[in-house]
Amino acid sequence: MGQRCCGNTAVRDASTFCERLSNRQGAGPIIIVELQPSDFEITTMVRETLAAAKMGAHAVSIAEHPLGRLYPDSIALSHLVQEATGVPVLAHVTAGHRNLLGLEAALLGANLLGVRTLIALTGDPLGPFDGENATRITRVRDIRNSFELLAVIRQLNSGRDASGRSLPIRTDLLAGVALDANVIHLDKALEMLEKKIRAGGECVSWWFLRCCSIHVGLKPCIVRLGIWLYQCSRV
């Protein structure tokens, strides 16, 4: 089927991140720091990423539309931060904030940019909006949840779009899923996790702490810490 390249430029294999995790077996947990976009500048996120790495983080992840609010695209931010710092970046991709065509285009773009490790999420509900546009901004229902998003990623990795049409390339996206331990009924969360793995989740990041702050200069940065819980199925 399609090739995993664009023109004559080879793209980086997503399994590289899995290999890094595999090489650390027995060396302690993989620490991931989730960064929440706080403004519309890349400089802040670069500083926060370097600070997290200095404190022992092995990777960072960048949230997409946290609390349903407008921020720069998480895939674009992940690419810029990864290129500027050399720290592995996991991009959050949400199901309900793009239509199907826009989602497929974004995933193809992530593949070309080398942002290959993704966390597939349903996404936060849209936040409050003011003014005449408030009623026009709604959640897109083409892809309703992380399960359907995983199916789209699986199709693109096989060299086909969501309709089954053959594409000239196959993406090499690593589809991660999330487990949030900050819940009342952990048994239900674990049951949902099993369903996500069966749906195509290749890795699981376990978020276990919401409120932690690191300081970048004089400015505190609120982050979430997580560990890489489930070994990549590609290793």
C-alpha atoms as a PDB file:
ATOM      1  CA  MET A   1       0.000   0.000   0.000  1.00  0.00           C
ATOM      2  CA  GLY A   2       1.253   3.558   0.607  1.00  0.00           C
ATOM      3  CA  GLN A   3       4.753   4.385   1.752  1.00  0.00           C
ATOM      4  CA  ARG A   4       5.643   6.056   5.040  1.00  0.00           C
ATOM      5  CA  CYS A   5       7.337   9.043   3.466  1.00  0.00           C
ATOM      6  CA  CYS A   6       6.642  12.307   1.736  1.00  0.00           C
ATOM      7  CA  GLY A   7       8.521  12.818  -1.529  1.00  0.00           C
ATOM      8  CA  ASN A   8      12.183  12.063  -0.934  1.00  0.00           C
ATOM      9  CA  THR A   9      12.118  13.100   2.721  1.00  0.00           C
ATOM     10  CA  ALA A  10      11.941  10.194   5.145  1.00  0.00           C
ATOM     11  CA  VAL A  11       9.805  10.794   8.220  1.00  0.00           C
ATOM     12  CA  ARG A  12      10.630   9.690  11.741  1.00  0.00           C
ATOM     13  CA  ASP A  13       9.179   6.397  12.920  1.00  0.00           C
ATOM     14  CA  ALA A  14       6.713   6.653  15.807  1.00  0.00           C
ATOM     15  CA  SER A  15       8.123   3.439  17.283  1.00  0.00           C
ATOM     16  CA  THR A  16      11.223   5.442  18.295  1.00  0.00           C
ATOM     17  CA  PHE A  17       9.342   6.689  21.331  1.00  0.00           C
ATOM     18  CA  CYS A  18       8.342   3.119  22.183  1.00  0.00           C
ATOM     19  CA  GLU A  19      11.950   2.046  21.873  1.00  0.00           C
ATOM     20  CA  ARG A  20      13.012   4.761  24.310  1.00  0.00           C
ATOM     21  CA  LEU A  21      10.457   3.503  26.804  1.00  0.00           C
ATOM     22  CA  SER A  22      11.501  -0.109  26.306  1.00  0.00           C
ATOM     23  CA  ASN A  23      15.153   0.781  26.903  1.00  0.00           C
ATOM     24  CA  ARG A  24      14.194   2.235  30.283  1.00  0.00           C
ATOM     25  CA  GLN A  25      12.588  -0.945  31.614  1.00  0.00           C
ATOM     26  CA  GLY A  26      13.742  -1.468  35.176  1.00  0.00           C
ATOM     27  CA  ALA A  27      15.058   2.090  35.376  1.00  0.00           C
ATOM     28  CA  GLY A  28      11.971   3.559  37.027  1.00  0.00           C
ATOM     29  CA  PRO A  29       8.765   5.088  35.689  1.00  0.00           C
ATOM     30  CA  ILE A  30       8.501   7.273  32.607  1.00  0.00           C
ATOM     31  CA  ILE A  31       7.524  10.737  33.816  1.00  0.00           C
ATOM     32  CA  ILE A  32       5.380  12.889  31.546  1.00  0.00           C
ATOM     33  CA  VAL A  33       4.399  16.470  32.327  1.00  0.00           C
ATOM     34  CA  GLU A  34       1.222  17.781  30.744  1.00  0.00           C
ATOM     35  CA  LEU A  35       1.496  21.419  29.748  1.00  0.00           C
ATOM     36  CA  GLN A  36      -1.566  23.610  29.427  1.00  0.00           C
ATOM     37  CA  PRO A  37      -1.257  26.444  26.896  1.00  0.00           C
ATOM     38  CA  SER A  38      -1.396  29.651  28.902  1.00  0.00           C
ATOM     39  CA  ASP A  39      -0.995  32.232  26.160  1.00  0.00           C
ATOM     40  CA  PHE A  40      -0.455  32.500  22.420  1.00  0.00           C
ATOM     41  CA  GLU A  41       3.354  32.527  22.499  1.00  0.00           C
ATOM     42  CA  ILE A  42       5.651  29.562  21.944  1.00  0.00           C
ATOM     43  CA  THR A  43       8.419  30.985  24.148  1.00  0.00           C
ATOM     44  CA  THR A  44       6.621  30.200  27.392  1.00  0.00           C
ATOM     45  CA  MET A  45       6.020  26.571  26.461  1.00  0.00           C
ATOM     46  CA  VAL A  46       9.651  26.119  25.446  1.00  0.00           C
ATOM     47  CA  ARG A  47      10.793  27.429  28.853  1.00  0.00           C
ATOM     48  CA  GLU A  48       8.284  25.227  30.664  1.00  0.00           C
ATOM     49  CA  THR A  49       9.406  22.159  28.687  1.00  0.00           C
ATOM     50  CA  LEU A  50      13.072  22.757  29.450  1.00  0.00           C
ATOM     51  CA  ALA A  51      12.246  23.328  33.124  1.00  0.00           C
ATOM     52  CA  ALA A  52      10.257  20.076  33.285  1.00  0.00           C
ATOM     53  CA  ALA A  53      13.097  18.143  31.623  1.00  0.00           C
ATOM     54  CA  LYS A  54      15.611  19.636  34.051  1.00  0.00           C
ATOM     55  CA  MET A  55      13.456  18.433  36.947  1.00  0.00           C
ATOM     56  CA  GLY A  56      13.444  14.864  35.592  1.00  0.00           C
ATOM     57  CA  ALA A  57      10.579  14.624  33.109  1.00  0.00           C
ATOM     58  CA  HIS A  58      11.244  12.300  30.170  1.00  0.00           C
ATOM     59  CA  ALA A  59       8.607  13.874  27.936  1.00  0.00           C
ATOM     60  CA  VAL A  60       5.865  16.479  27.931  1.00  0.00           C
ATOM     61  CA  SER A  61       2.392  16.409  26.497  1.00  0.00           C
ATOM     62  CA  ILE A  62       0.494  19.430  25.198  1.00  0.00           C
ATOM     63  CA  ALA A  63      -3.224  19.740  25.798  1.00  0.00           C
ATOM     64  CA  GLU A  64      -5.658  20.648  23.041  1.00  0.00           C
ATOM     65  CA  HIS A  65      -8.405  23.173  23.812  1.00  0.00           C
ATOM     66  CA  PRO A  66      -8.274  22.685  27.605  1.00  0.00           C
ATOM     67  CA  LEU A  67     -11.638  23.566  29.183  1.00  0.00           C
ATOM     68  CA  GLY A  68     -12.975  24.011  25.676  1.00  0.00           C
ATOM     69  CA  ARG A  69     -11.188  27.322  25.125  1.00  0.00           C
ATOM     70  CA  LEU A  70      -9.290  28.655  22.129  1.00  0.00           C
ATOM     71  CA  TYR A  71      -5.513  28.110  21.997  1.00  0.00           C
ATOM     72  CA  PRO A  72      -3.025  27.420  19.189  1.00  0.00           C
ATOM     73  CA  ASP A  73      -3.246  23.967  17.640  1.00  0.00           C
ATOM     74  CA  SER A  74      -1.658  21.286  19.830  1.00  0.00           C
ATOM     75  CA  ILE A  75       0.008  19.525  16.890  1.00  0.00           C
ATOM     76  CA  ALA A  76       1.671  22.734  15.708  1.00  0.00           C
ATOM     77  CA  LEU A  77       2.756  23.552  19.277  1.00  0.00           C
ATOM     78  CA  SER A  78       4.123  20.033  19.777  1.00  0.00           C
ATOM     79  CA  HIS A  79       6.195  20.269  16.611  1.00  0.00           C
ATOM     80  CA  LEU A  80       7.652  23.672  17.529  1.00  0.00           C
ATOM     81  CA  VAL A  81       8.434  22.683  21.122  1.00  0.00           C
ATOM     82  CA  GLN A  82       9.982  19.368  20.084  1.00  0.00           C
ATOM     83  CA  GLU A  83      12.180  21.056  17.482  1.00  0.00           C
ATOM     84  CA  ALA A  84      13.245  23.826  19.880  1.00  0.00           C
ATOM     85  CA  THR A  85      14.053  21.624  22.892  1.00  0.00           C
ATOM     86  CA  GLY A  86      14.758  18.079  21.693  1.00  0.00           C
ATOM     87  CA  VAL A  87      12.367  16.828  24.389  1.00  0.00           C
ATOM     88  CA  PRO A  88       9.829  14.215  23.188  1.00  0.00           C
ATOM     89  CA  VAL A  89       6.361  15.770  22.958  1.00  0.00           C
ATOM     90  CA  LEU A  90       3.034  13.957  22.953  1.00  0.00           C
ATOM     91  CA  ALA A  91       0.217  15.877  21.284  1.00  0.00           C
ATOM     92  CA  HIS A  92      -3.315  15.615  22.596  1.00  0.00           C
ATOM     93  CA  VAL A  93      -5.849  15.205  19.794  1.00  0.00           C
ATOM     94  CA  THR A  94      -9.538  15.594  20.596  1.00  0.00           C
ATOM     95  CA  ALA A  95     -12.457  14.008  18.815  1.00  0.00           C
ATOM     96  CA  GLY A  96     -15.134  16.675  18.906  1.00  0.00           C
ATOM     97  CA  HIS A  97     -13.419  19.868  17.806  1.00  0.00           C
ATOM     98  CA  ARG A  98     -12.998  19.138  14.075  1.00  0.00           C
ATOM     99  CA  ASN A  99     -15.140  17.585  11.402  1.00  0.00           C
ATOM    100  CA  LEU A 100     -13.962  14.303   9.901  1.00  0.00           C
ATOM    101  CA  LEU A 101     -12.137  15.851   6.957  1.00  0.00           C
ATOM    102  CA  GLY A 102     -10.403  18.394   9.188  1.00  0.00           C
ATOM    103  CA  LEU A 103      -9.394  15.673  11.642  1.00  0.00           C
ATOM    104  CA  GLU A 104      -7.904  13.455   8.949  1.00  0.00           C
ATOM    105  CA  ALA A 105      -6.025  16.447   7.506  1.00  0.00           C
ATOM    106  CA  ALA A 106      -4.652  17.328  10.956  1.00  0.00           C
ATOM    107  CA  LEU A 107      -3.458  13.753  11.518  1.00  0.00           C
ATOM    108  CA  LEU A 108      -1.779  13.657   8.109  1.00  0.00           C
ATOM    109  CA  GLY A 109      -0.097  16.949   8.986  1.00  0.00           C
ATOM    110  CA  ALA A 110       1.073  15.558  12.332  1.00  0.00           C
ATOM    111  CA  ASN A 111       2.616  12.622  10.494  1.00  0.00           C
ATOM    112  CA  LEU A 112       4.513  14.935   8.119  1.00  0.00           C
ATOM    113  CA  LEU A 113       5.712  17.168  10.974  1.00  0.00           C
ATOM    114  CA  GLY A 114       7.108  14.234  12.942  1.00  0.00           C
ATOM    115  CA  VAL A 115       4.553  14.573  15.742  1.00  0.00           C
ATOM    116  CA  ARG A 116       3.916  10.847  15.831  1.00  0.00           C
ATOM    117  CA  THR A 117       2.965  10.132  19.449  1.00  0.00           C
ATOM    118  CA  LEU A 118      -0.608  11.196  20.120  1.00  0.00           C
ATOM    119  CA  ILE A 119      -3.044  10.892  23.003  1.00  0.00           C
ATOM    120  CA  ALA A 120      -6.538  10.340  21.643  1.00  0.00           C
ATOM    121  CA  LEU A 121      -9.178  12.051  23.766  1.00  0.00           C
ATOM    122  CA  THR A 122     -12.869  12.813  23.531  1.00  0.00           C
ATOM    123  CA  GLY A 123     -12.121  16.423  24.542  1.00  0.00           C
ATOM    124  CA  ASP A 124     -13.463  18.901  27.069  1.00  0.00           C
ATOM    125  CA  PRO A 125     -16.881  20.474  26.580  1.00  0.00           C
ATOM    126  CA  LEU A 126     -16.724  23.849  24.881  1.00  0.00           C
ATOM    127  CA  GLY A 127     -16.254  26.738  27.288  1.00  0.00           C
ATOM    128  CA  PRO A 128     -18.506  29.780  27.583  1.00  0.00           C
ATOM    129  CA  PHE A 129     -18.455  32.266  24.710  1.00  0.00           C
ATOM    130  CA  ASP A 130     -19.791  35.798  24.622  1.00  0.00           C
ATOM    131  CA  GLY A 131     -21.275  37.878  21.861  1.00  0.00           C
ATOM    132  CA  GLU A 132     -23.174  37.085  18.686  1.00  0.00           C
ATOM    133  CA  ASN A 133     -20.918  34.108  17.834  1.00  0.00           C
ATOM    134  CA  ALA A 134     -21.788  32.279  21.073  1.00  0.00           C
ATOM    135  CA  THR A 135     -24.554  30.218  19.456  1.00  0.00           C
ATOM    136  CA  ARG A 136     -22.478  29.394  16.369  1.00  0.00           C
ATOM    137  CA  ILE A 137     -19.654  27.601  18.189  1.00  0.00           C
ATOM    138  CA  THR A 138     -20.758  24.031  18.782  1.00  0.00           C
ATOM    139  CA  ARG A 139     -19.167  20.627  19.242  1.00  0.00           C
ATOM    140  CA  VAL A 140     -18.656  18.711  15.997  1.00  0.00           C
ATOM    141  CA  ARG A 141     -20.415  15.336  15.915  1.00  0.00           C
ATOM    142  CA  ASP A 142     -18.589  13.660  12.994  1.00  0.00           C
ATOM    143  CA  ILE A 143     -16.234  11.963  15.459  1.00  0.00           C
ATOM    144  CA  ARG A 144     -17.950  11.726  18.818  1.00  0.00           C
ATOM    145  CA  ASN A 145     -15.397  10.169  21.157  1.00  0.00           C
ATOM    146  CA  SER A 146     -11.907   8.750  21.569  1.00  0.00           C
ATOM    147  CA  PHE A 147     -12.996   5.310  20.334  1.00  0.00           C
ATOM    148  CA  GLU A 148     -14.009   6.705  16.953  1.00  0.00           C
ATOM    149  CA  LEU A 149     -10.841   8.811  16.876  1.00  0.00           C
ATOM    150  CA  LEU A 150      -8.757   5.665  17.437  1.00  0.00           C
ATOM    151  CA  ALA A 151     -10.538   4.055  14.487  1.00  0.00           C
ATOM    152  CA  VAL A 152      -9.583   6.992  12.232  1.00  0.00           C
ATOM    153  CA  ILE A 153      -5.931   6.752  13.310  1.00  0.00           C
ATOM    154  CA  ARG A 154      -5.952   3.009  12.700  1.00  0.00           C
ATOM    155  CA  GLN A 155      -7.330   3.544   9.181  1.00  0.00           C
ATOM    156  CA  LEU A 156      -4.695   6.157   8.314  1.00  0.00           C
ATOM    157  CA  ASN A 157      -1.948   3.874   9.620  1.00  0.00           C
ATOM    158  CA  SER A 158      -3.229   1.202   7.255  1.00  0.00           C
ATOM    159  CA  GLY A 159      -3.073   3.604   4.311  1.00  0.00           C
ATOM    160  CA  ARG A 160      -6.792   4.329   4.039  1.00  0.00           C
ATOM    161  CA  ASP A 161      -9.071   7.205   4.930  1.00  0.00           C
ATOM    162  CA  ALA A 162     -12.168   6.808   7.096  1.00  0.00           C
ATOM    163  CA  SER A 163     -14.286   5.856   4.084  1.00  0.00           C
ATOM    164  CA  GLY A 164     -11.868   3.054   3.163  1.00  0.00           C
ATOM    165  CA  ARG A 165     -10.348   4.821   0.163  1.00  0.00           C
ATOM    166  CA  SER A 166      -6.695   3.982  -0.458  1.00  0.00           C
ATOM    167  CA  LEU A 167      -4.177   6.771   0.219  1.00  0.00           C
ATOM    168  CA  PRO A 168      -0.715   7.232  -1.370  1.00  0.00           C
ATOM    169  CA  ILE A 169       0.958   7.025   2.073  1.00  0.00           C
ATOM    170  CA  ARG A 170       0.479   5.237   5.369  1.00  0.00           C
ATOM    171  CA  THR A 171       0.839   7.295   8.505  1.00  0.00           C
ATOM    172  CA  ASP A 172       2.969   6.016  11.382  1.00  0.00           C
ATOM    173  CA  LEU A 173       1.050   7.470  14.304  1.00  0.00           C
ATOM    174  CA  LEU A 174       1.291   5.986  17.775  1.00  0.00           C
ATOM    175  CA  ALA A 175      -2.176   6.112  19.330  1.00  0.00           C
ATOM    176  CA  GLY A 176      -1.976   6.588  23.075  1.00  0.00           C
ATOM    177  CA  VAL A 177      -4.940   6.806  25.437  1.00  0.00           C
ATOM    178  CA  ALA A 178      -5.334   8.267  28.908  1.00  0.00           C
ATOM    179  CA  LEU A 179      -6.324   6.901  32.286  1.00  0.00           C
ATOM    180  CA  ASP A 180      -7.276   9.513  34.875  1.00  0.00           C
ATOM    181  CA  ALA A 181      -6.852   8.164  38.397  1.00  0.00           C
ATOM    182  CA  ASN A 182      -8.545  11.218  39.898  1.00  0.00           C
ATOM    183  CA  VAL A 183     -11.976   9.623  39.804  1.00  0.00           C
ATOM    184  CA  ILE A 184     -14.387   8.242  42.393  1.00  0.00           C
ATOM    185  CA  HIS A 185     -15.018   4.916  40.649  1.00  0.00           C
ATOM    186  CA  LEU A 186     -11.608   3.669  39.541  1.00  0.00           C
ATOM    187  CA  ASP A 187     -13.065   0.284  38.553  1.00  0.00           C
ATOM    188  CA  LYS A 188     -15.214   1.961  35.883  1.00  0.00           C
ATOM    189  CA  ALA A 189     -12.213   3.944  34.658  1.00  0.00           C
ATOM    190  CA  LEU A 190     -10.214   0.718  34.313  1.00  0.00           C
ATOM    191  CA  GLU A 191     -13.086  -0.927  32.433  1.00  0.00           C
ATOM    192  CA  MET A 192     -13.136   2.012  30.036  1.00  0.00           C
ATOM    193  CA  LEU A 193      -9.370   1.712  29.661  1.00  0.00           C
ATOM    194  CA  GLU A 194      -9.674  -1.931  28.592  1.00  0.00           C
ATOM    195  CA  LYS A 195     -12.155  -0.878  25.908  1.00  0.00           C
ATOM    196  CA  LYS A 196      -9.756   1.813  24.669  1.00  0.00           C
ATOM    197  CA  ILE A 197      -6.928  -0.713  24.362  1.00  0.00           C
ATOM    198  CA  ARG A 198      -9.191  -3.084  22.420  1.00  0.00           C
ATOM    199  CA  ALA A 199     -10.163  -0.157  20.171  1.00  0.00           C
ATOM    200  CA  GLY A 200      -6.537   0.420  19.194  1.00  0.00           C
ATOM    201  CA  GLY A 201      -4.815   2.236  22.054  1.00  0.00           C
ATOM    202  CA  GLU A 202      -1.151   1.242  21.874  1.00  0.00           C
ATOM    203  CA  CYS A 203       0.063   2.996  25.030  1.00  0.00           C
ATOM    204  CA  VAL A 204      -1.580   4.402  28.116  1.00  0.00           C
ATOM    205  CA  SER A 205      -0.559   7.480  30.051  1.00  0.00           C
ATOM    206  CA  TRP A 206      -1.818   7.414  33.616  1.00  0.00           C
ATOM    207  CA  TRP A 207      -2.509  10.868  35.040  1.00  0.00           C
ATOM    208  CA  PHE A 208      -2.280  10.657  38.787  1.00  0.00           C
ATOM    209  CA  LEU A 209      -1.704  14.214  40.015  1.00  0.00           C
ATOM    210  CA  ARG A 210      -3.533  17.330  38.873  1.00  0.00           C
ATOM    211  CA  CYS A 211      -2.198  20.195  40.928  1.00  0.00           C
ATOM    212  CA  CYS A 212       1.543  20.561  40.889  1.00  0.00           C
ATOM    213  CA  SER A 213       3.453  23.714  40.092  1.00  0.00           C
ATOM    214  CA  ILE A 214       6.885  24.282  38.671  1.00  0.00           C
ATOM    215  CA  HIS A 215       8.464  27.696  38.465  1.00  0.00           C
ATOM    216  CA  VAL A 216       9.773  29.174  35.250  1.00  0.00           C
ATOM    217  CA  GLY A 217      11.598  32.298  36.350  1.00  0.00           C
ATOM    218  CA  LEU A 218       9.160  34.027  38.682  1.00  0.00           C
ATOM    219  CA  LYS A 219       6.041  32.576  37.056  1.00  0.00           C
ATOM    220  CA  PRO A 220       4.465  29.373  38.444  1.00  0.00           C
ATOM    221  CA  CYS A 221       3.294  26.901  35.819  1.00  0.00           C
ATOM    222  CA  ILE A 222       0.446  24.566  36.755  1.00  0.00           C
ATOM    223  CA  VAL A 223       0.980  21.117  35.273  1.00  0.00           C
ATOM    224  CA  ARG A 224      -0.235  17.555  35.592  1.00  0.00           C
ATOM    225  CA  LEU A 225       2.144  14.678  36.140  1.00  0.00           C
ATOM    226  CA  GLY A 226       1.714  11.233  34.709  1.00  0.00           C
ATOM    227  CA  ILE A 227       3.550   7.985  34.167  1.00  0.00           C
ATOM    228  CA  TRP A 228       3.634   5.782  31.071  1.00  0.00           C
ATOM    229  CA  LEU A 229       1.714   2.808  32.368  1.00  0.00           C
ATOM    230  CA  TYR A 230       1.243   0.354  29.509  1.00  0.00           C
ATOM    231  CA  GLN A 231       4.133  -0.829  27.402  1.00  0.00           C
ATOM    232  CA  CYS A 232       3.855   0.067  23.725  1.00  0.00           C
ATOM    233  CA  SER A 233       2.408  -2.807  21.750  1.00  0.00           C
ATOM    234  CA  ARG A 234       4.951  -2.184  18.960  1.00  0.00           C
ATOM    235  CA  VAL A 235       7.937  -3.189  21.120  1.00  0.00           C
END
